[in-house]
Amino acid sequence: MSVKDRSVVVVGGTSGMGYATAALFAEQGARIAVVGRDADKAAQAAAALGGDVVAAGLDAADADALGEFMGGLAAVDHVVSFTGLQPAARVGDTDHEIFGSAFDARVWAARNCCAIAAPMMPPDGSFTFCSGLSAIRPRPGRSPGAVATAAVESFCRAMAVELAPIRVNALCPGAFDTEVLRRALGPDPEAGLARLGNSIPLGRIGQPEEIAHAVQFLVTNTYTTGITLRVDGGALLV
C-alpha cells in the first residue's frame, strides 16, 4: 500500500488537482510522468516537481500519441487521469461534434489509458479516472458533459471487471480551488468562491491537496475497485 519506487502517470497533471496529486506522489517516492495538452505547461510542471519527472504535451484522446509516450516509459504501475470537458450548449443547439468532444476528453481518453497501459501493468496496478458532480446533478445547458461524467463512472465499473485484478476506480470531485474554476467564476473569482463555499455543508470549497489525498487512497488501497469516491464537502446533500 505504497507508491514508493512505483511508476505513476498523471494525465492532466500540469495544474490544479492533477498537479497536487503528482506532487504528493513525488513526495512519497514515486516515479512520476506528467501528461498535459500544453507542452510548455507540462515542462514547467516537471521542473517544479523536480527529480526525474518525465513530461509530455499531448491529448490523451489521441491513442497514437499516448501510446508512443507510454511505450517509452520503463514501467507503468498506476495511471491517474483528470481529463474532461464541460461544453456549454442547450440540447437544441448541441450536435454530434459537441457531444463527441465531451466523450473524447473523458471517456475515450480513459479507454486509451486502459487499452495502452493495462498490458504494461503488474497485477497490483490501478487506474483512477475523474468524473464530476454533473453525473448526478446536471446543470441546464450542460448535458454533454453530464452524460460523459456518468459514462466514465460506468466505464470504470466495466474495466474493474474486465481488467481484474488491476483495480479501476472513479473519483468524483466537487468544487475545488483551481485555475479552471477561478476562470469559470468570471471577473471576481474570490466572491464566487465564497458563494460556492457558503452553499456547501462544510462551508468552504476544497483544496487540490484534499483531492490528492483521496487519489492516494484509491491508488494504494489494494481491496478497492469499481467504486466512485465522491469528495465534495457534502455538496450533493443539499
Protein backbone atom coordinates (compact mmCIF):
# COMPACT_ATOMS: atom_id res chain seq x y z
CA MET A 1 0.00 0.00 0.00
CA SER A 2 2.74 2.42 -1.02
CA VAL A 3 3.75 4.27 -4.16
CA LYS A 4 7.43 4.39 -3.22
CA ASP A 5 9.53 3.38 -6.24
CA ARG A 6 6.37 2.80 -8.29
CA SER A 7 5.71 4.45 -11.65
CA VAL A 8 2.67 6.78 -11.64
CA VAL A 9 1.39 8.51 -14.78
CA VAL A 10 -0.75 11.58 -14.06
CA VAL A 11 -2.76 12.67 -17.09
CA GLY A 12 -3.86 16.26 -16.69
CA GLY A 13 -1.14 16.68 -14.10
CA THR A 14 0.15 20.11 -15.08
CA SER A 15 -2.03 22.16 -12.72
CA GLY A 16 -4.76 22.05 -10.10
CA MET A 17 -5.85 18.68 -8.76
CA GLY A 18 -3.61 16.73 -11.12
CA TYR A 19 -0.50 18.67 -10.16
CA ALA A 20 -1.30 18.31 -6.45
CA THR A 21 -1.63 14.56 -6.97
CA ALA A 22 1.68 14.35 -8.82
CA ALA A 23 3.35 16.40 -6.08
CA LEU A 24 2.02 14.17 -3.31
CA PHE A 25 3.18 11.00 -5.03
CA ALA A 26 6.57 12.54 -5.81
CA GLU A 27 7.00 13.37 -2.11
CA GLN A 28 6.24 9.73 -1.33
CA GLY A 29 9.00 8.46 -3.59
CA ALA A 30 7.09 7.54 -6.73
CA ARG A 31 8.50 7.88 -10.22
CA ILE A 32 6.25 10.45 -11.90
CA ALA A 33 5.25 11.03 -15.51
CA VAL A 34 3.07 14.08 -16.16
CA VAL A 35 0.90 14.50 -19.24
CA GLY A 36 -0.86 17.70 -20.30
CA ARG A 37 -2.21 19.13 -23.53
CA ASP A 38 0.16 22.12 -23.32
CA ALA A 39 3.78 21.06 -23.76
CA ASP A 40 5.15 24.20 -22.09
CA LYS A 41 2.96 23.74 -19.00
CA ALA A 42 3.97 20.08 -18.85
CA ALA A 43 7.64 21.05 -18.88
CA GLN A 44 7.06 23.70 -16.20
CA ALA A 45 5.22 21.21 -14.01
CA ALA A 46 8.03 18.69 -14.35
CA ALA A 47 10.60 21.32 -13.41
CA ALA A 48 8.57 22.38 -10.37
CA LEU A 49 8.13 18.78 -9.23
CA GLY A 50 11.88 18.20 -9.54
CA GLY A 51 13.69 14.89 -9.62
CA ASP A 52 13.46 12.71 -12.70
CA VAL A 53 9.88 13.59 -13.63
CA VAL A 54 9.01 12.80 -17.24
CA ALA A 55 6.64 15.20 -19.01
CA ALA A 56 4.78 15.26 -22.31
CA GLY A 57 2.43 17.60 -24.09
CA LEU A 58 -0.30 15.57 -25.78
CA ASP A 59 -4.02 14.92 -25.92
CA ALA A 60 -4.92 11.67 -24.15
CA ALA A 61 -7.78 11.24 -26.63
CA ASP A 62 -5.07 10.69 -29.27
CA ALA A 63 -4.34 6.99 -28.86
CA ASP A 64 -1.25 7.06 -31.06
CA ALA A 65 0.36 9.94 -29.15
CA LEU A 66 -0.47 8.43 -25.77
CA GLY A 67 0.73 5.01 -26.85
CA GLU A 68 4.05 6.39 -28.07
CA PHE A 69 4.58 8.22 -24.79
CA MET A 70 3.68 5.34 -22.50
CA GLY A 71 5.65 2.93 -24.65
CA GLY A 72 8.74 4.96 -23.87
CA LEU A 73 8.35 4.57 -20.11
CA ALA A 74 10.30 1.90 -18.28
CA ALA A 75 7.18 0.87 -16.34
CA VAL A 76 3.59 1.92 -15.63
CA ASP A 77 2.20 0.83 -12.26
CA HIS A 78 -0.64 3.36 -11.81
CA VAL A 79 -2.47 5.82 -14.05
CA VAL A 80 -4.46 8.76 -12.71
CA SER A 81 -6.41 10.89 -15.19
CA PHE A 82 -8.12 14.25 -14.68
CA THR A 83 -9.15 14.86 -18.29
CA GLY A 84 -12.58 16.23 -19.13
CA LEU A 85 -14.64 18.93 -20.82
CA GLN A 86 -17.98 20.53 -19.94
CA PRO A 87 -19.26 22.09 -23.20
CA ALA A 88 -21.98 24.70 -22.73
CA ALA A 89 -25.00 24.32 -25.06
CA ARG A 90 -28.73 23.80 -24.75
CA VAL A 91 -29.87 20.46 -26.13
CA GLY A 92 -31.39 22.02 -29.24
CA ASP A 93 -28.08 23.66 -30.05
CA THR A 94 -25.90 20.61 -29.49
CA ASP A 95 -24.62 18.47 -32.31
CA HIS A 96 -22.60 15.30 -32.68
CA GLU A 97 -19.34 17.24 -32.52
CA ILE A 98 -20.18 18.84 -29.17
CA PHE A 99 -21.20 15.54 -27.60
CA GLY A 100 -18.18 13.87 -29.16
CA SER A 101 -15.79 16.41 -27.66
CA ALA A 102 -17.10 15.70 -24.15
CA PHE A 103 -16.87 11.94 -24.64
CA ASP A 104 -13.44 12.07 -26.25
CA ALA A 105 -11.98 14.16 -23.45
CA ARG A 106 -13.25 11.94 -20.65
CA VAL A 107 -14.40 8.51 -21.84
CA TRP A 108 -12.25 7.91 -24.92
CA ALA A 109 -9.20 9.19 -23.07
CA ALA A 110 -9.96 6.71 -20.28
CA ARG A 111 -10.35 3.95 -22.87
CA ASN A 112 -6.96 4.83 -24.34
CA CYS A 113 -5.30 4.77 -20.92
CA CYS A 114 -6.72 1.32 -20.18
CA ALA A 115 -6.05 -0.17 -23.59
CA ILE A 116 -2.47 1.09 -23.69
CA ALA A 117 -1.33 0.86 -20.07
CA ALA A 118 -3.09 -2.26 -18.78
CA PRO A 119 -0.81 -4.67 -20.72
CA MET A 120 2.17 -2.91 -19.13
CA MET A 121 0.88 -3.08 -15.55
CA PRO A 122 1.58 -5.56 -12.77
CA PRO A 123 -1.41 -7.31 -11.16
CA ASP A 124 -1.49 -4.74 -8.34
CA GLY A 125 -1.67 -1.80 -10.74
CA SER A 126 -4.53 0.68 -10.84
CA PHE A 127 -6.41 3.29 -12.85
CA THR A 128 -8.20 6.27 -11.34
CA PHE A 129 -10.41 8.43 -13.57
CA CYS A 130 -12.14 11.71 -12.77
CA SER A 131 -15.89 12.12 -13.15
CA GLY A 132 -17.87 15.01 -11.66
CA LEU A 133 -20.98 16.01 -9.75
CA SER A 134 -22.82 16.64 -13.03
CA ALA A 135 -23.13 12.87 -13.34
CA ILE A 136 -25.69 13.10 -10.52
CA ARG A 137 -26.74 16.77 -10.51
CA PRO A 138 -26.62 18.07 -14.10
CA ARG A 139 -26.97 21.75 -14.91
CA PRO A 140 -29.18 23.18 -17.67
CA GLY A 141 -27.28 23.60 -20.91
CA ARG A 142 -24.52 21.17 -19.94
CA SER A 143 -25.90 17.78 -20.97
CA PRO A 144 -22.85 16.60 -23.00
CA GLY A 145 -20.51 16.90 -20.03
CA ALA A 146 -23.07 15.46 -17.62
CA VAL A 147 -23.54 12.37 -19.75
CA ALA A 148 -19.78 11.95 -20.20
CA THR A 149 -19.12 12.10 -16.45
CA ALA A 150 -21.78 9.47 -15.84
CA ALA A 151 -20.36 7.35 -18.66
CA VAL A 152 -16.83 7.35 -17.28
CA GLU A 153 -18.14 6.07 -13.94
CA SER A 154 -19.85 3.20 -15.76
CA PHE A 155 -16.69 2.59 -17.78
CA CYS A 156 -14.69 2.27 -14.55
CA ARG A 157 -17.04 -0.43 -13.28
CA ALA A 158 -16.78 -2.27 -16.58
CA MET A 159 -12.98 -2.09 -16.53
CA ALA A 160 -12.83 -3.19 -12.89
CA VAL A 161 -14.37 -6.46 -14.08
CA GLU A 162 -12.55 -6.78 -17.38
CA LEU A 163 -9.05 -5.84 -16.23
CA ALA A 164 -9.12 -7.51 -12.78
CA PRO A 165 -7.01 -7.91 -10.70
CA ILE A 166 -5.88 -4.48 -11.89
CA ARG A 167 -8.08 -2.02 -9.99
CA VAL A 168 -10.14 0.69 -11.69
CA ASN A 169 -11.95 3.44 -9.78
CA ALA A 170 -13.59 6.80 -10.37
CA LEU A 171 -13.11 9.97 -8.35
CA CYS A 172 -15.98 12.46 -8.26
CA PRO A 173 -14.79 15.88 -7.04
CA GLY A 174 -16.97 18.80 -6.04
CA ALA A 175 -15.82 22.43 -6.15
CA PHE A 176 -12.06 22.82 -5.73
CA ASP A 177 -9.89 25.90 -5.83
CA THR A 178 -8.24 25.51 -9.23
CA GLU A 179 -7.33 27.77 -12.15
CA VAL A 180 -10.17 26.26 -14.17
CA LEU A 181 -12.79 27.06 -11.54
CA ARG A 182 -11.45 30.57 -10.98
CA ARG A 183 -11.65 31.33 -14.69
CA ALA A 184 -15.22 30.00 -14.81
CA LEU A 185 -16.26 32.33 -11.97
CA GLY A 186 -15.56 35.45 -14.02
CA PRO A 187 -14.02 38.78 -13.05
CA ASP A 188 -14.40 38.36 -9.26
CA PRO A 189 -13.38 34.77 -8.51
CA GLU A 190 -12.90 35.38 -4.79
CA ALA A 191 -16.53 36.38 -4.39
CA GLY A 192 -17.57 33.38 -6.46
CA LEU A 193 -15.51 31.03 -4.33
CA ALA A 194 -17.08 32.47 -1.19
CA ARG A 195 -20.59 31.98 -2.59
CA LEU A 196 -19.84 28.39 -3.53
CA GLY A 197 -18.34 27.69 -0.13
CA ASN A 198 -21.37 29.06 1.68
CA SER A 199 -23.62 26.65 -0.25
CA ILE A 200 -21.70 23.55 0.89
CA PRO A 201 -22.21 21.85 4.28
CA LEU A 202 -18.52 22.12 5.15
CA GLY A 203 -18.70 25.86 4.49
CA ARG A 204 -15.81 26.08 2.04
CA ILE A 205 -14.60 24.76 -1.27
CA GLY A 206 -11.91 22.11 -1.38
CA GLN A 207 -8.18 22.45 -1.85
CA PRO A 208 -6.37 20.40 -4.53
CA GLU A 209 -4.31 18.65 -1.86
CA GLU A 210 -7.53 17.16 -0.47
CA ILE A 211 -8.27 15.53 -3.80
CA ALA A 212 -4.70 14.25 -3.95
CA HIS A 213 -5.26 12.55 -0.58
CA ALA A 214 -8.39 10.84 -1.97
CA VAL A 215 -6.48 9.67 -5.03
CA GLN A 216 -3.80 8.27 -2.75
CA PHE A 217 -6.43 6.09 -1.10
CA LEU A 218 -7.75 4.76 -4.40
CA VAL A 219 -4.25 4.05 -5.70
CA THR A 220 -2.87 2.39 -2.59
CA ASN A 221 -5.84 0.54 -1.11
CA THR A 222 -5.46 -2.90 -2.63
CA TYR A 223 -9.03 -4.07 -1.97
CA THR A 224 -10.93 -1.17 -3.53
CA THR A 225 -12.11 -1.41 -7.12
CA GLY A 226 -15.11 -0.43 -9.22
CA ILE A 227 -16.24 2.40 -6.94
CA THR A 228 -16.92 6.09 -7.40
CA LEU A 229 -15.45 8.05 -4.50
CA ARG A 230 -17.25 11.36 -4.05
CA VAL A 231 -15.18 14.15 -2.49
CA ASP A 232 -17.46 17.19 -2.46
CA GLY A 233 -17.68 18.62 1.05
CA GLY A 234 -21.26 17.34 1.22
CA ALA A 235 -22.44 19.37 -1.79
CA LEU A 236 -24.83 16.69 -3.00
CA LEU A 237 -26.55 16.56 0.39
CA VAL A 238 -28.16 19.98 -0.06
